[in-house]
N, C-alpha and C. Protein backbone atom coordinates (compact mmCIF):
# COMPACT_ATOMS: atom_id res chain seq x y z
N MET A 1 -37.91 25.11 -31.21
CA MET A 1 -37.65 24.60 -29.87
C MET A 1 -37.29 25.73 -28.93
N LEU A 2 -36.34 26.56 -29.34
CA LEU A 2 -35.92 27.67 -28.50
C LEU A 2 -37.04 28.68 -28.33
N LEU A 3 -37.84 28.88 -29.38
CA LEU A 3 -38.96 29.80 -29.28
C LEU A 3 -39.98 29.33 -28.25
N GLY A 4 -40.22 28.02 -28.20
CA GLY A 4 -41.15 27.47 -27.22
C GLY A 4 -40.67 27.68 -25.80
N ILE A 5 -39.38 27.55 -25.56
CA ILE A 5 -38.82 27.78 -24.23
C ILE A 5 -38.92 29.25 -23.86
N MET A 6 -38.67 30.12 -24.84
CA MET A 6 -38.75 31.56 -24.58
C MET A 6 -40.19 31.96 -24.27
N LEU A 7 -41.16 31.39 -24.94
CA LEU A 7 -42.56 31.71 -24.67
C LEU A 7 -43.00 31.17 -23.32
N PHE A 8 -42.37 30.08 -22.86
CA PHE A 8 -42.71 29.52 -21.56
C PHE A 8 -42.40 30.51 -20.44
N PHE A 9 -41.37 31.32 -20.61
CA PHE A 9 -40.99 32.30 -19.60
C PHE A 9 -41.38 33.72 -19.98
N ASP A 10 -42.35 33.87 -20.85
CA ASP A 10 -42.85 35.19 -21.20
C ASP A 10 -43.70 35.72 -20.05
N GLY A 11 -43.34 36.87 -19.54
CA GLY A 11 -44.01 37.43 -18.37
C GLY A 11 -45.49 37.67 -18.56
N ALA A 12 -45.88 38.16 -19.74
CA ALA A 12 -47.29 38.44 -19.99
C ALA A 12 -48.12 37.15 -20.01
N LEU A 13 -47.59 36.11 -20.64
CA LEU A 13 -48.32 34.84 -20.67
C LEU A 13 -48.41 34.20 -19.28
N LEU A 14 -47.34 34.31 -18.50
CA LEU A 14 -47.37 33.76 -17.14
C LEU A 14 -48.36 34.52 -16.27
N ALA A 15 -48.39 35.85 -16.39
CA ALA A 15 -49.34 36.66 -15.61
C ALA A 15 -50.78 36.32 -16.01
N LEU A 16 -51.03 36.15 -17.29
CA LEU A 16 -52.36 35.79 -17.76
C LEU A 16 -52.76 34.40 -17.25
N GLY A 17 -51.82 33.46 -17.27
CA GLY A 17 -52.10 32.12 -16.74
C GLY A 17 -52.41 32.15 -15.26
N ASN A 18 -51.67 32.96 -14.49
CA ASN A 18 -51.95 33.08 -13.06
C ASN A 18 -53.33 33.67 -12.80
N LEU A 19 -53.67 34.70 -13.56
CA LEU A 19 -54.98 35.32 -13.42
C LEU A 19 -56.10 34.33 -13.75
N LEU A 20 -55.93 33.58 -14.81
CA LEU A 20 -56.94 32.60 -15.20
C LEU A 20 -57.03 31.45 -14.19
N PHE A 21 -55.91 31.04 -13.62
CA PHE A 21 -55.92 29.98 -12.62
C PHE A 21 -56.70 30.40 -11.38
N ILE A 22 -56.41 31.59 -10.87
CA ILE A 22 -57.08 32.05 -9.65
C ILE A 22 -58.56 32.32 -9.92
N SER A 23 -58.89 32.91 -11.07
CA SER A 23 -60.30 33.16 -11.36
C SER A 23 -61.04 31.84 -11.61
N GLY A 24 -60.41 30.87 -12.23
CA GLY A 24 -61.05 29.57 -12.44
C GLY A 24 -61.30 28.83 -11.13
N LEU A 25 -60.32 28.88 -10.25
CA LEU A 25 -60.50 28.27 -8.93
C LEU A 25 -61.64 28.93 -8.18
N THR A 26 -61.73 30.25 -8.28
CA THR A 26 -62.82 30.98 -7.62
C THR A 26 -64.17 30.61 -8.22
N LEU A 27 -64.24 30.46 -9.52
CA LEU A 27 -65.50 30.08 -10.15
C LEU A 27 -65.92 28.66 -9.81
N ILE A 28 -64.95 27.78 -9.62
CA ILE A 28 -65.28 26.38 -9.34
C ILE A 28 -65.74 26.18 -7.90
N ILE A 29 -64.98 26.71 -6.93
CA ILE A 29 -65.33 26.44 -5.53
C ILE A 29 -65.96 27.62 -4.82
N GLY A 30 -66.04 28.77 -5.47
CA GLY A 30 -66.67 29.93 -4.87
C GLY A 30 -65.67 30.85 -4.20
N PRO A 31 -66.02 32.13 -4.10
CA PRO A 31 -65.08 33.10 -3.55
C PRO A 31 -64.77 32.89 -2.07
N GLN A 32 -65.76 32.53 -1.29
CA GLN A 32 -65.54 32.37 0.15
C GLN A 32 -64.64 31.17 0.43
N LYS A 33 -64.89 30.05 -0.22
CA LYS A 33 -64.05 28.86 -0.01
C LYS A 33 -62.65 29.08 -0.55
N THR A 34 -62.52 29.85 -1.64
CA THR A 34 -61.19 30.15 -2.17
C THR A 34 -60.40 30.98 -1.17
N PHE A 35 -61.05 31.99 -0.58
CA PHE A 35 -60.37 32.80 0.42
C PHE A 35 -59.97 31.96 1.62
N TYR A 36 -60.87 31.13 2.11
CA TYR A 36 -60.54 30.29 3.27
C TYR A 36 -59.46 29.26 2.96
N PHE A 37 -59.42 28.79 1.71
CA PHE A 37 -58.37 27.85 1.32
C PHE A 37 -56.99 28.49 1.41
N PHE A 38 -56.87 29.70 0.87
CA PHE A 38 -55.57 30.37 0.88
C PHE A 38 -55.23 30.97 2.24
N ALA A 39 -56.24 31.20 3.09
CA ALA A 39 -56.01 31.87 4.37
C ALA A 39 -55.81 30.89 5.54
N ARG A 40 -55.84 29.59 5.28
CA ARG A 40 -55.65 28.64 6.37
C ARG A 40 -54.27 28.75 6.98
N LYS A 41 -54.21 28.56 8.28
CA LYS A 41 -52.95 28.70 9.01
C LYS A 41 -51.90 27.67 8.55
N GLN A 42 -52.35 26.47 8.20
CA GLN A 42 -51.42 25.43 7.77
C GLN A 42 -50.84 25.72 6.38
N LYS A 43 -51.48 26.59 5.62
CA LYS A 43 -51.08 26.85 4.23
C LYS A 43 -50.39 28.20 4.05
N VAL A 44 -49.94 28.84 5.13
CA VAL A 44 -49.38 30.18 5.04
C VAL A 44 -48.13 30.20 4.16
N ARG A 45 -47.22 29.26 4.35
CA ARG A 45 -45.97 29.25 3.57
C ARG A 45 -46.27 29.07 2.08
N GLY A 46 -47.17 28.15 1.76
CA GLY A 46 -47.53 27.94 0.36
C GLY A 46 -48.22 29.14 -0.26
N THR A 47 -49.11 29.77 0.51
CA THR A 47 -49.81 30.95 0.01
C THR A 47 -48.84 32.09 -0.26
N LEU A 48 -47.94 32.35 0.69
CA LEU A 48 -46.97 33.44 0.51
C LEU A 48 -46.05 33.17 -0.67
N CYS A 49 -45.61 31.95 -0.82
CA CYS A 49 -44.73 31.62 -1.96
C CYS A 49 -45.48 31.71 -3.28
N PHE A 50 -46.72 31.24 -3.32
CA PHE A 50 -47.49 31.27 -4.55
C PHE A 50 -47.74 32.71 -4.99
N PHE A 51 -48.25 33.53 -4.09
CA PHE A 51 -48.54 34.92 -4.46
C PHE A 51 -47.25 35.74 -4.61
N GLY A 52 -46.21 35.38 -3.88
CA GLY A 52 -44.91 36.03 -4.08
C GLY A 52 -44.36 35.74 -5.46
N GLY A 53 -44.55 34.52 -5.94
CA GLY A 53 -44.14 34.17 -7.29
C GLY A 53 -44.91 34.95 -8.35
N ILE A 54 -46.19 35.16 -8.09
CA ILE A 54 -46.99 35.96 -9.02
C ILE A 54 -46.46 37.40 -9.07
N VAL A 55 -46.12 37.94 -7.91
CA VAL A 55 -45.58 39.30 -7.86
C VAL A 55 -44.24 39.37 -8.60
N LEU A 56 -43.41 38.36 -8.42
CA LEU A 56 -42.12 38.35 -9.13
C LEU A 56 -42.31 38.29 -10.64
N VAL A 57 -43.30 37.52 -11.09
CA VAL A 57 -43.58 37.46 -12.53
C VAL A 57 -44.04 38.83 -13.02
N LEU A 58 -44.87 39.51 -12.25
CA LEU A 58 -45.35 40.84 -12.65
C LEU A 58 -44.23 41.87 -12.65
N PHE A 59 -43.20 41.67 -11.83
CA PHE A 59 -42.06 42.58 -11.78
C PHE A 59 -40.93 42.15 -12.72
N LYS A 60 -41.28 41.37 -13.75
CA LYS A 60 -40.35 40.99 -14.82
C LYS A 60 -39.20 40.08 -14.36
N TRP A 61 -39.47 39.20 -13.42
CA TRP A 61 -38.53 38.15 -13.02
C TRP A 61 -39.22 36.80 -13.26
N PRO A 62 -39.48 36.42 -14.51
CA PRO A 62 -40.32 35.25 -14.77
C PRO A 62 -39.71 33.93 -14.33
N PHE A 63 -38.41 33.73 -14.51
CA PHE A 63 -37.82 32.44 -14.14
C PHE A 63 -37.86 32.23 -12.63
N VAL A 64 -37.42 33.22 -11.89
CA VAL A 64 -37.43 33.12 -10.42
C VAL A 64 -38.88 33.02 -9.93
N GLY A 65 -39.77 33.79 -10.53
CA GLY A 65 -41.18 33.77 -10.14
C GLY A 65 -41.82 32.41 -10.33
N ILE A 66 -41.53 31.76 -11.46
CA ILE A 66 -42.14 30.45 -11.72
C ILE A 66 -41.59 29.40 -10.76
N VAL A 67 -40.33 29.52 -10.37
CA VAL A 67 -39.76 28.57 -9.41
C VAL A 67 -40.42 28.76 -8.03
N VAL A 68 -40.57 30.01 -7.60
CA VAL A 68 -41.21 30.28 -6.31
C VAL A 68 -42.67 29.86 -6.34
N GLU A 69 -43.36 30.14 -7.44
CA GLU A 69 -44.76 29.71 -7.59
C GLU A 69 -44.89 28.20 -7.52
N THR A 70 -44.00 27.48 -8.17
CA THR A 70 -44.06 26.03 -8.16
C THR A 70 -43.89 25.50 -6.75
N PHE A 71 -42.95 26.07 -5.99
CA PHE A 71 -42.77 25.67 -4.59
C PHE A 71 -44.05 25.94 -3.79
N GLY A 72 -44.64 27.11 -3.99
CA GLY A 72 -45.88 27.43 -3.30
C GLY A 72 -47.03 26.54 -3.71
N PHE A 73 -47.12 26.25 -5.00
CA PHE A 73 -48.18 25.38 -5.51
C PHE A 73 -48.09 23.99 -4.90
N LEU A 74 -46.86 23.47 -4.82
CA LEU A 74 -46.67 22.14 -4.22
C LEU A 74 -47.02 22.14 -2.73
N ASN A 75 -46.72 23.23 -2.04
CA ASN A 75 -47.08 23.33 -0.64
C ASN A 75 -48.59 23.48 -0.44
N LEU A 76 -49.24 24.15 -1.36
CA LEU A 76 -50.69 24.33 -1.24
C LEU A 76 -51.46 23.06 -1.59
N PHE A 77 -51.12 22.45 -2.70
CA PHE A 77 -51.93 21.35 -3.23
C PHE A 77 -51.27 19.98 -3.06
N GLY A 78 -50.05 19.93 -2.53
CA GLY A 78 -49.34 18.66 -2.40
C GLY A 78 -49.70 17.89 -1.17
């Protein structure tokens, strides 16, 4: 049980999941539509939080990064 929780906040696995999510979204809707989706004026707060969370995960702050990413994800897709 504890091992599963520890793996949930593993920085390498979170970074790999983020990379796969963004590349999968790009493959599904295309690079141009992906860029326009994240660059819309109404989605600026969600985009900044989502990519800020990715940066925090890469800088070895996985718990804070996942919380910020979740907030950004909800703002983008909610």
